[in-house]
Full PDB file with SEQRES, HELIX, SHEET, SSBOND, CRYST1, ORIGX, SCALE, CONECT and MASTER records, all heavy atoms in Angstrom:
SEQRES   1 A   32  TYR ALA LEU MET PRO PHE VAL LEU PHE ALA GLN ALA ILE          
SEQRES   2 A   32  GLU LYS ASN GLU PRO GLU ARG GLY ILE PHE LYS TYR ARG          
SEQRES   3 A   32  ASP GLY VAL LEU LEU LYS                                      
HELIX    1 AA1 LEU A    3  ASN A   16  1                                  14    
HELIX    2 AA2 PRO A   18  ARG A   20  5                                   3    
HELIX    3 AA3 ILE A   22  LYS A   24  5                                   3    
HELIX    4 AA4 TYR A   25  GLY A   28  1                                   4    
CRYST1    1.000    1.000    1.000  90.00  90.00  90.00 P 1           1          
ORIGX1      1.000000  0.000000  0.000000        0.00000                         
ORIGX2      0.000000  1.000000  0.000000        0.00000                         
ORIGX3      0.000000  0.000000  1.000000        0.00000                         
SCALE1      1.000000  0.000000  0.000000        0.00000                         
SCALE2      0.000000  1.000000  0.000000        0.00000                         
SCALE3      0.000000  0.000000  1.000000        0.00000                         
ATOM      1  N   TYR A   1      44.103  96.077 264.912  1.00  0.00           N  
ATOM      2  CA  TYR A   1      44.488  95.132 263.864  1.00  0.00           C  
ATOM      3  C   TYR A   1      43.259  94.442 263.288  1.00  0.00           C  
ATOM      4  O   TYR A   1      43.144  94.268 262.069  1.00  0.00           O  
ATOM      5  CB  TYR A   1      45.457  94.095 264.439  1.00  0.00           C  
ATOM      6  CG  TYR A   1      46.011  93.136 263.414  1.00  0.00           C  
ATOM      7  CD1 TYR A   1      46.768  93.599 262.351  1.00  0.00           C  
ATOM      8  CD2 TYR A   1      45.779  91.770 263.515  1.00  0.00           C  
ATOM      9  CE1 TYR A   1      47.285  92.722 261.403  1.00  0.00           C  
ATOM     10  CE2 TYR A   1      46.293  90.887 262.578  1.00  0.00           C  
ATOM     11  CZ  TYR A   1      47.046  91.373 261.529  1.00  0.00           C  
ATOM     12  OH  TYR A   1      47.541  90.505 260.588  1.00  0.00           O  
ATOM     13  N   ALA A   2      42.316  94.067 264.158  1.00  0.00           N  
ATOM     14  CA  ALA A   2      41.109  93.377 263.698  1.00  0.00           C  
ATOM     15  C   ALA A   2      40.111  94.329 263.058  1.00  0.00           C  
ATOM     16  O   ALA A   2      39.232  93.880 262.305  1.00  0.00           O  
ATOM     17  CB  ALA A   2      40.456  92.644 264.868  1.00  0.00           C  
ATOM     18  N   LEU A   3      40.205  95.626 263.322  1.00  0.00           N  
ATOM     19  CA  LEU A   3      39.245  96.567 262.761  1.00  0.00           C  
ATOM     20  C   LEU A   3      39.222  96.524 261.239  1.00  0.00           C  
ATOM     21  O   LEU A   3      38.157  96.637 260.622  1.00  0.00           O  
ATOM     22  CB  LEU A   3      39.570  97.987 263.214  1.00  0.00           C  
ATOM     23  CG  LEU A   3      38.800  98.552 264.401  1.00  0.00           C  
ATOM     24  CD1 LEU A   3      39.182 100.002 264.613  1.00  0.00           C  
ATOM     25  CD2 LEU A   3      37.302  98.424 264.222  1.00  0.00           C  
ATOM     26  N   MET A   4      40.392  96.370 260.626  1.00  0.00           N  
ATOM     27  CA  MET A   4      40.441  96.452 259.167  1.00  0.00           C  
ATOM     28  C   MET A   4      39.603  95.363 258.502  1.00  0.00           C  
ATOM     29  O   MET A   4      38.756  95.671 257.649  1.00  0.00           O  
ATOM     30  CB  MET A   4      41.885  96.414 258.685  1.00  0.00           C  
ATOM     31  CG  MET A   4      42.032  96.623 257.190  1.00  0.00           C  
ATOM     32  SD  MET A   4      43.769  96.861 256.768  1.00  0.00           S  
ATOM     33  CE  MET A   4      43.702  96.738 254.985  1.00  0.00           C  
ATOM     34  N   PRO A   5      39.778  94.073 258.826  1.00  0.00           N  
ATOM     35  CA  PRO A   5      38.900  93.083 258.193  1.00  0.00           C  
ATOM     36  C   PRO A   5      37.442  93.241 258.596  1.00  0.00           C  
ATOM     37  O   PRO A   5      36.538  92.995 257.790  1.00  0.00           O  
ATOM     38  CB  PRO A   5      39.475  91.746 258.670  1.00  0.00           C  
ATOM     39  CG  PRO A   5      40.214  92.062 259.931  1.00  0.00           C  
ATOM     40  CD  PRO A   5      40.773  93.436 259.693  1.00  0.00           C  
ATOM     41  N   PHE A   6      37.194  93.661 259.832  1.00  0.00           N  
ATOM     42  CA  PHE A   6      35.808  93.865 260.250  1.00  0.00           C  
ATOM     43  C   PHE A   6      35.133  94.939 259.394  1.00  0.00           C  
ATOM     44  O   PHE A   6      34.039  94.731 258.858  1.00  0.00           O  
ATOM     45  CB  PHE A   6      35.737  94.255 261.726  1.00  0.00           C  
ATOM     46  CG  PHE A   6      35.644  93.090 262.675  1.00  0.00           C  
ATOM     47  CD1 PHE A   6      36.646  92.843 263.602  1.00  0.00           C  
ATOM     48  CD2 PHE A   6      34.548  92.239 262.651  1.00  0.00           C  
ATOM     49  CE1 PHE A   6      36.555  91.771 264.482  1.00  0.00           C  
ATOM     50  CE2 PHE A   6      34.450  91.167 263.527  1.00  0.00           C  
ATOM     51  CZ  PHE A   6      35.459  90.929 264.440  1.00  0.00           C  
ATOM     52  N   VAL A   7      35.777  96.101 259.253  1.00  0.00           N  
ATOM     53  CA  VAL A   7      35.093  97.194 258.555  1.00  0.00           C  
ATOM     54  C   VAL A   7      35.099  96.988 257.049  1.00  0.00           C  
ATOM     55  O   VAL A   7      34.136  97.366 256.366  1.00  0.00           O  
ATOM     56  CB  VAL A   7      35.687  98.573 258.934  1.00  0.00           C  
ATOM     57  CG1 VAL A   7      35.502  98.856 260.410  1.00  0.00           C  
ATOM     58  CG2 VAL A   7      37.142  98.708 258.525  1.00  0.00           C  
ATOM     59  N   LEU A   8      36.159  96.385 256.495  1.00  0.00           N  
ATOM     60  CA  LEU A   8      36.184  96.170 255.046  1.00  0.00           C  
ATOM     61  C   LEU A   8      35.159  95.130 254.614  1.00  0.00           C  
ATOM     62  O   LEU A   8      34.461  95.308 253.605  1.00  0.00           O  
ATOM     63  CB  LEU A   8      37.587  95.763 254.599  1.00  0.00           C  
ATOM     64  CG  LEU A   8      38.646  96.864 254.621  1.00  0.00           C  
ATOM     65  CD1 LEU A   8      40.008  96.312 254.211  1.00  0.00           C  
ATOM     66  CD2 LEU A   8      38.257  98.018 253.701  1.00  0.00           C  
ATOM     67  N   PHE A   9      35.066  94.026 255.360  1.00  0.00           N  
ATOM     68  CA  PHE A   9      34.065  93.031 255.012  1.00  0.00           C  
ATOM     69  C   PHE A   9      32.663  93.597 255.250  1.00  0.00           C  
ATOM     70  O   PHE A   9      31.747  93.382 254.443  1.00  0.00           O  
ATOM     71  CB  PHE A   9      34.287  91.748 255.810  1.00  0.00           C  
ATOM     72  CG  PHE A   9      33.396  90.601 255.404  1.00  0.00           C  
ATOM     73  CD1 PHE A   9      32.872  90.504 254.121  1.00  0.00           C  
ATOM     74  CD2 PHE A   9      33.098  89.591 256.310  1.00  0.00           C  
ATOM     75  CE1 PHE A   9      32.058  89.439 253.752  1.00  0.00           C  
ATOM     76  CE2 PHE A   9      32.282  88.522 255.955  1.00  0.00           C  
ATOM     77  CZ  PHE A   9      31.753  88.453 254.673  1.00  0.00           C  
ATOM     78  N   ALA A  10      32.497  94.346 256.336  1.00  0.00           N  
ATOM     79  CA  ALA A  10      31.191  94.950 256.593  1.00  0.00           C  
ATOM     80  C   ALA A  10      30.811  95.909 255.470  1.00  0.00           C  
ATOM     81  O   ALA A  10      29.642  95.956 255.047  1.00  0.00           O  
ATOM     82  CB  ALA A  10      31.206  95.674 257.935  1.00  0.00           C  
ATOM     83  N   GLN A  11      31.776  96.664 254.984  1.00  0.00           N  
ATOM     84  CA  GLN A  11      31.491  97.569 253.872  1.00  0.00           C  
ATOM     85  C   GLN A  11      31.072  96.786 252.624  1.00  0.00           C  
ATOM     86  O   GLN A  11      30.138  97.188 251.910  1.00  0.00           O  
ATOM     87  CB  GLN A  11      32.717  98.431 253.572  1.00  0.00           C  
ATOM     88  CG  GLN A  11      32.478  99.485 252.496  1.00  0.00           C  
ATOM     89  CD  GLN A  11      33.729 100.261 252.173  1.00  0.00           C  
ATOM     90  OE1 GLN A  11      34.800  99.686 251.966  1.00  0.00           O  
ATOM     91  NE2 GLN A  11      33.623 101.579 252.147  1.00  0.00           N  
ATOM     92  N   ALA A  12      31.748  95.662 252.369  1.00  0.00           N  
ATOM     93  CA  ALA A  12      31.369  94.829 251.228  1.00  0.00           C  
ATOM     94  C   ALA A  12      29.957  94.270 251.401  1.00  0.00           C  
ATOM     95  O   ALA A  12      29.173  94.209 250.442  1.00  0.00           O  
ATOM     96  CB  ALA A  12      32.378  93.694 251.051  1.00  0.00           C  
ATOM     97  N   ILE A  13      29.627  93.862 252.627  1.00  0.00           N  
ATOM     98  CA  ILE A  13      28.273  93.369 252.899  1.00  0.00           C  
ATOM     99  C   ILE A  13      27.258  94.481 252.661  1.00  0.00           C  
ATOM    100  O   ILE A  13      26.209  94.270 252.035  1.00  0.00           O  
ATOM    101  CB  ILE A  13      28.177  92.856 254.355  1.00  0.00           C  
ATOM    102  CG1 ILE A  13      29.101  91.654 254.572  1.00  0.00           C  
ATOM    103  CG2 ILE A  13      26.739  92.485 254.701  1.00  0.00           C  
ATOM    104  CD1 ILE A  13      29.291  91.284 256.034  1.00  0.00           C  
ATOM    105  N   GLU A  14      27.559  95.679 253.150  1.00  0.00           N  
ATOM    106  CA  GLU A  14      26.638  96.803 253.000  1.00  0.00           C  
ATOM    107  C   GLU A  14      26.400  97.141 251.529  1.00  0.00           C  
ATOM    108  O   GLU A  14      25.267  97.451 251.123  1.00  0.00           O  
ATOM    109  CB  GLU A  14      27.194  98.024 253.743  1.00  0.00           C  
ATOM    110  CG  GLU A  14      26.291  99.234 253.765  1.00  0.00           C  
ATOM    111  CD  GLU A  14      25.093  99.064 254.684  1.00  0.00           C  
ATOM    112  OE1 GLU A  14      25.071  98.125 255.497  1.00  0.00           O  
ATOM    113  OE2 GLU A  14      24.160  99.889 254.576  1.00  0.00           O  
ATOM    114  N   LYS A  15      27.440  97.067 250.714  1.00  0.00           N  
ATOM    115  CA  LYS A  15      27.307  97.404 249.299  1.00  0.00           C  
ATOM    116  C   LYS A  15      26.555  96.321 248.531  1.00  0.00           C  
ATOM    117  O   LYS A  15      25.783  96.622 247.612  1.00  0.00           O  
ATOM    118  CB  LYS A  15      28.689  97.618 248.681  1.00  0.00           C  
ATOM    119  CG  LYS A  15      29.369  98.901 249.121  1.00  0.00           C  
ATOM    120  CD  LYS A  15      30.732  99.060 248.475  1.00  0.00           C  
ATOM    121  CE  LYS A  15      31.374 100.383 248.876  1.00  0.00           C  
ATOM    122  NZ  LYS A  15      32.726 100.549 248.274  1.00  0.00           N  
ATOM    123  N   ASN A  16      26.788  95.064 248.877  1.00  0.00           N  
ATOM    124  CA  ASN A  16      26.189  93.962 248.133  1.00  0.00           C  
ATOM    125  C   ASN A  16      24.848  93.505 248.688  1.00  0.00           C  
ATOM    126  O   ASN A  16      23.981  93.063 247.934  1.00  0.00           O  
ATOM    127  CB  ASN A  16      27.157  92.777 248.105  1.00  0.00           C  
ATOM    128  CG  ASN A  16      28.353  93.004 247.210  1.00  0.00           C  
ATOM    129  OD1 ASN A  16      28.295  92.787 246.007  1.00  0.00           O  
ATOM    130  ND2 ASN A  16      29.457  93.469 247.804  1.00  0.00           N  
ATOM    131  N   GLU A  17      24.680  93.581 250.007  1.00  0.00           N  
ATOM    132  CA  GLU A  17      23.445  93.137 250.642  1.00  0.00           C  
ATOM    133  C   GLU A  17      23.046  94.131 251.731  1.00  0.00           C  
ATOM    134  O   GLU A  17      23.083  93.813 252.923  1.00  0.00           O  
ATOM    135  CB  GLU A  17      23.611  91.738 251.237  1.00  0.00           C  
ATOM    136  CG  GLU A  17      23.951  90.653 250.218  1.00  0.00           C  
ATOM    137  CD  GLU A  17      24.070  89.284 250.873  1.00  0.00           C  
ATOM    138  OE1 GLU A  17      23.048  88.579 250.956  1.00  0.00           O  
ATOM    139  OE2 GLU A  17      25.189  88.937 251.315  1.00  0.00           O  
ATOM    140  N   PRO A  18      22.671  95.342 251.334  1.00  0.00           N  
ATOM    141  CA  PRO A  18      22.351  96.363 252.342  1.00  0.00           C  
ATOM    142  C   PRO A  18      21.206  95.958 253.259  1.00  0.00           C  
ATOM    143  O   PRO A  18      21.098  96.472 254.379  1.00  0.00           O  
ATOM    144  CB  PRO A  18      21.988  97.585 251.492  1.00  0.00           C  
ATOM    145  CG  PRO A  18      21.640  97.035 250.139  1.00  0.00           C  
ATOM    146  CD  PRO A  18      22.494  95.835 249.957  1.00  0.00           C  
ATOM    147  N   GLU A  19      20.371  95.012 252.784  1.00  0.00           N  
ATOM    148  CA  GLU A  19      19.244  94.594 253.619  1.00  0.00           C  
ATOM    149  C   GLU A  19      19.689  93.901 254.900  1.00  0.00           C  
ATOM    150  O   GLU A  19      18.909  93.773 255.863  1.00  0.00           O  
ATOM    151  CB  GLU A  19      18.321  93.660 252.824  1.00  0.00           C  
ATOM    152  CG  GLU A  19      18.930  92.333 252.419  1.00  0.00           C  
ATOM    153  CD  GLU A  19      19.733  92.388 251.124  1.00  0.00           C  
ATOM    154  OE1 GLU A  19      20.011  93.521 250.638  1.00  0.00           O  
ATOM    155  OE2 GLU A  19      20.096  91.315 250.600  1.00  0.00           O  
ATOM    156  N   ARG A  20      20.939  93.446 254.947  1.00  0.00           N  
ATOM    157  CA  ARG A  20      21.432  92.824 256.187  1.00  0.00           C  
ATOM    158  C   ARG A  20      21.632  93.850 257.299  1.00  0.00           C  
ATOM    159  O   ARG A  20      21.697  93.499 258.472  1.00  0.00           O  
ATOM    160  CB  ARG A  20      22.752  92.092 255.925  1.00  0.00           C  
ATOM    161  CG  ARG A  20      22.621  90.820 255.099  1.00  0.00           C  
ATOM    162  CD  ARG A  20      23.946  90.076 255.079  1.00  0.00           C  
ATOM    163  NE  ARG A  20      23.952  88.907 254.213  1.00  0.00           N  
ATOM    164  CZ  ARG A  20      23.643  87.674 254.609  1.00  0.00           C  
ATOM    165  NH1 ARG A  20      23.290  87.452 255.872  1.00  0.00           N  
ATOM    166  NH2 ARG A  20      23.679  86.663 253.760  1.00  0.00           N  
ATOM    167  N   GLY A  21      21.800  95.126 256.945  1.00  0.00           N  
ATOM    168  CA  GLY A  21      21.996  96.167 257.961  1.00  0.00           C  
ATOM    169  C   GLY A  21      23.187  95.896 258.854  1.00  0.00           C  
ATOM    170  O   GLY A  21      23.102  96.050 260.085  1.00  0.00           O  
ATOM    171  N   ILE A  22      24.327  95.547 258.253  1.00  0.00           N  
ATOM    172  CA  ILE A  22      25.467  95.072 259.041  1.00  0.00           C  
ATOM    173  C   ILE A  22      26.002  96.134 260.002  1.00  0.00           C  
ATOM    174  O   ILE A  22      26.426  95.817 261.113  1.00  0.00           O  
ATOM    175  CB  ILE A  22      26.594  94.552 258.123  1.00  0.00           C  
ATOM    176  CG1 ILE A  22      27.672  93.839 258.930  1.00  0.00           C  
ATOM    177  CG2 ILE A  22      27.174  95.679 257.274  1.00  0.00           C  
ATOM    178  CD1 ILE A  22      27.209  92.574 259.592  1.00  0.00           C  
ATOM    179  N   PHE A  23      25.955  97.413 259.614  1.00  0.00           N  
ATOM    180  CA  PHE A  23      26.485  98.451 260.502  1.00  0.00           C  
ATOM    181  C   PHE A  23      25.506  98.806 261.628  1.00  0.00           C  
ATOM    182  O   PHE A  23      25.852  99.564 262.532  1.00  0.00           O  
ATOM    183  CB  PHE A  23      26.878  99.693 259.707  1.00  0.00           C  
ATOM    184  CG  PHE A  23      28.187  99.532 258.982  1.00  0.00           C  
ATOM    185  CD1 PHE A  23      28.215  99.344 257.610  1.00  0.00           C  
ATOM    186  CD2 PHE A  23      29.384  99.541 259.674  1.00  0.00           C  
ATOM    187  CE1 PHE A  23      29.416  99.186 256.937  1.00  0.00           C  
ATOM    188  CE2 PHE A  23      30.600  99.384 259.016  1.00  0.00           C  
ATOM    189  CZ  PHE A  23      30.615  99.205 257.634  1.00  0.00           C  
ATOM    190  N   LYS A  24      24.298  98.239 261.580  1.00  0.00           N  
ATOM    191  CA  LYS A  24      23.355  98.390 262.686  1.00  0.00           C  
ATOM    192  C   LYS A  24      23.347  97.158 263.581  1.00  0.00           C  
ATOM    193  O   LYS A  24      22.648  97.143 264.603  1.00  0.00           O  
ATOM    194  CB  LYS A  24      21.950  98.641 262.137  1.00  0.00           C  
ATOM    195  CG  LYS A  24      21.824  99.950 261.368  1.00  0.00           C  
ATOM    196  CD  LYS A  24      20.416 100.140 260.822  1.00  0.00           C  
ATOM    197  CE  LYS A  24      20.310 101.437 260.033  1.00  0.00           C  
ATOM    198  NZ  LYS A  24      18.954 101.605 259.456  1.00  0.00           N  
ATOM    199  N   TYR A  25      24.095  96.143 263.196  1.00  0.00           N  
ATOM    200  CA  TYR A  25      24.105  94.882 263.935  1.00  0.00           C  
ATOM    201  C   TYR A  25      24.588  95.121 265.370  1.00  0.00           C  
ATOM    202  O   TYR A  25      25.542  95.847 265.609  1.00  0.00           O  
ATOM    203  CB  TYR A  25      25.029  93.890 263.225  1.00  0.00           C  
ATOM    204  CG  TYR A  25      24.994  92.486 263.772  1.00  0.00           C  
ATOM    205  CD1 TYR A  25      23.957  91.619 263.450  1.00  0.00           C  
ATOM    206  CD2 TYR A  25      26.001  92.027 264.620  1.00  0.00           C  
ATOM    207  CE1 TYR A  25      23.914  90.321 263.947  1.00  0.00           C  
ATOM    208  CE2 TYR A  25      25.974  90.725 265.124  1.00  0.00           C  
ATOM    209  CZ  TYR A  25      24.927  89.886 264.784  1.00  0.00           C  
ATOM    210  OH  TYR A  25      24.899  88.603 265.284  1.00  0.00           O  
ATOM    211  N   ARG A  26      23.901  94.516 266.324  1.00  0.00           N  
ATOM    212  CA  ARG A  26      24.208  94.665 267.756  1.00  0.00           C  
ATOM    213  C   ARG A  26      24.284  96.144 268.155  1.00  0.00           C  
ATOM    214  O   ARG A  26      25.227  96.594 268.798  1.00  0.00           O  
ATOM    215  CB  ARG A  26      25.516  93.970 268.143  1.00  0.00           C  
ATOM    216  CG  ARG A  26      25.437  92.469 268.277  1.00  0.00           C  
ATOM    217  CD  ARG A  26      26.678  91.937 268.984  1.00  0.00           C  
ATOM    218  NE  ARG A  26      26.704  92.336 270.383  1.00  0.00           N  
ATOM    219  CZ  ARG A  26      27.820  92.372 271.127  1.00  0.00           C  
ATOM    220  NH1 ARG A  26      28.979  92.046 270.604  1.00  0.00           N  
ATOM    221  NH2 ARG A  26      27.757  92.735 272.393  1.00  0.00           N  
ATOM    222  N   ASP A  27      23.272  96.882 267.748  1.00  0.00           N  
ATOM    223  CA  ASP A  27      23.191  98.295 268.130  1.00  0.00           C  
ATOM    224  C   ASP A  27      24.398  99.080 267.619  1.00  0.00           C  
ATOM    225  O   ASP A  27      24.909  99.975 268.293  1.00  0.00           O  
ATOM    226  CB  ASP A  27      23.055  98.430 269.648  1.00  0.00           C  
ATOM    227  CG  ASP A  27      22.625  99.825 270.081  1.00  0.00           C  
ATOM    228  OD1 ASP A  27      21.918 100.486 269.311  1.00  0.00           O  
ATOM    229  OD2 ASP A  27      23.013 100.241 271.186  1.00  0.00           O  
ATOM    230  N   GLY A  28      24.839  98.731 266.413  1.00  0.00           N  
ATOM    231  CA  GLY A  28      25.944  99.468 265.801  1.00  0.00           C  
ATOM    232  C   GLY A  28      27.285  99.217 266.442  1.00  0.00           C  
ATOM    233  O   GLY A  28      28.106 100.128 266.571  1.00  0.00           O  
ATOM    234  N   VAL A  29      27.554  97.956 266.810  1.00  0.00           N  
ATOM    235  CA  VAL A  29      28.761  97.668 267.584  1.00  0.00           C  
ATOM    236  C   VAL A  29      30.038  97.963 266.803  1.00  0.00           C  
ATOM    237  O   VAL A  29      31.059  98.342 267.405  1.00  0.00           O  
ATOM    238  CB  VAL A  29      28.744  96.203 268.089  1.00  0.00           C  
ATOM    239  CG1 VAL A  29      28.971  95.216 266.950  1.00  0.00           C  
ATOM    240  CG2 VAL A  29      29.756  96.001 269.211  1.00  0.00           C  
ATOM    241  N   LEU A  30      30.014  97.839 265.464  1.00  0.00           N  
ATOM    242  CA  LEU A  30      31.244  98.113 264.705  1.00  0.00           C  
ATOM    243  C   LEU A  30      31.622  99.588 264.776  1.00  0.00           C  
ATOM    244  O   LEU A  30      32.801  99.927 264.934  1.00  0.00           O  
ATOM    245  CB  LEU A  30      31.083  97.677 263.258  1.00  0.00           C  
ATOM    246  CG  LEU A  30      31.533  96.259 262.920  1.00  0.00           C  
ATOM    247  CD1 LEU A  30      31.324  95.957 261.448  1.00  0.00           C  
ATOM    248  CD2 LEU A  30      33.003  96.049 263.290  1.00  0.00           C  
ATOM    249  N   LEU A  31      30.657 100.467 264.650  1.00  0.00           N  
ATOM    250  CA  LEU A  31      30.964 101.891 264.777  1.00  0.00           C  
ATOM    251  C   LEU A  31      31.385 102.230 266.203  1.00  0.00           C  
ATOM    252  O   LEU A  31      32.300 103.043 266.412  1.00  0.00           O  
ATOM    253  CB  LEU A  31      29.761 102.726 264.359  1.00  0.00           C  
ATOM    254  CG  LEU A  31      29.473 102.745 262.851  1.00  0.00           C  
ATOM    255  CD1 LEU A  31      28.184 103.488 262.561  1.00  0.00           C  
ATOM    256  CD2 LEU A  31      30.636 103.360 262.088  1.00  0.00           C  
ATOM    257  N   LYS A  32      30.746 101.606 267.182  1.00  0.00           N  
ATOM    258  CA  LYS A  32      31.188 101.806 268.559  1.00  0.00           C  
ATOM    259  C   LYS A  32      32.638 101.373 268.723  1.00  0.00           C  
ATOM    260  O   LYS A  32      33.410 101.999 269.468  1.00  0.00           O  
ATOM    261  CB  LYS A  32      30.301 101.016 269.517  1.00  0.00           C  
ATOM    262  CG  LYS A  32      28.888 101.564 269.676  1.00  0.00           C  
ATOM    263  CD  LYS A  32      28.104 100.713 270.676  1.00  0.00           C  
ATOM    264  CE  LYS A  32      26.691 101.221 270.875  1.00  0.00           C  
ATOM    265  NZ  LYS A  32      25.932 100.382 271.829  1.00  0.00           N  
TER     266      LYS A  32                                                      
MASTER        0    0    0    4    0    0    0    6  265    1    0    3          
END                                                                             
């Protein structure tokens, strides 16, 4: 249930501010 807001907001961050490296945060914890 929580995955959807996590990945959608992360995708928005990646598109708007890729320099944040959100999908690499905490050793890629979202993809894990």
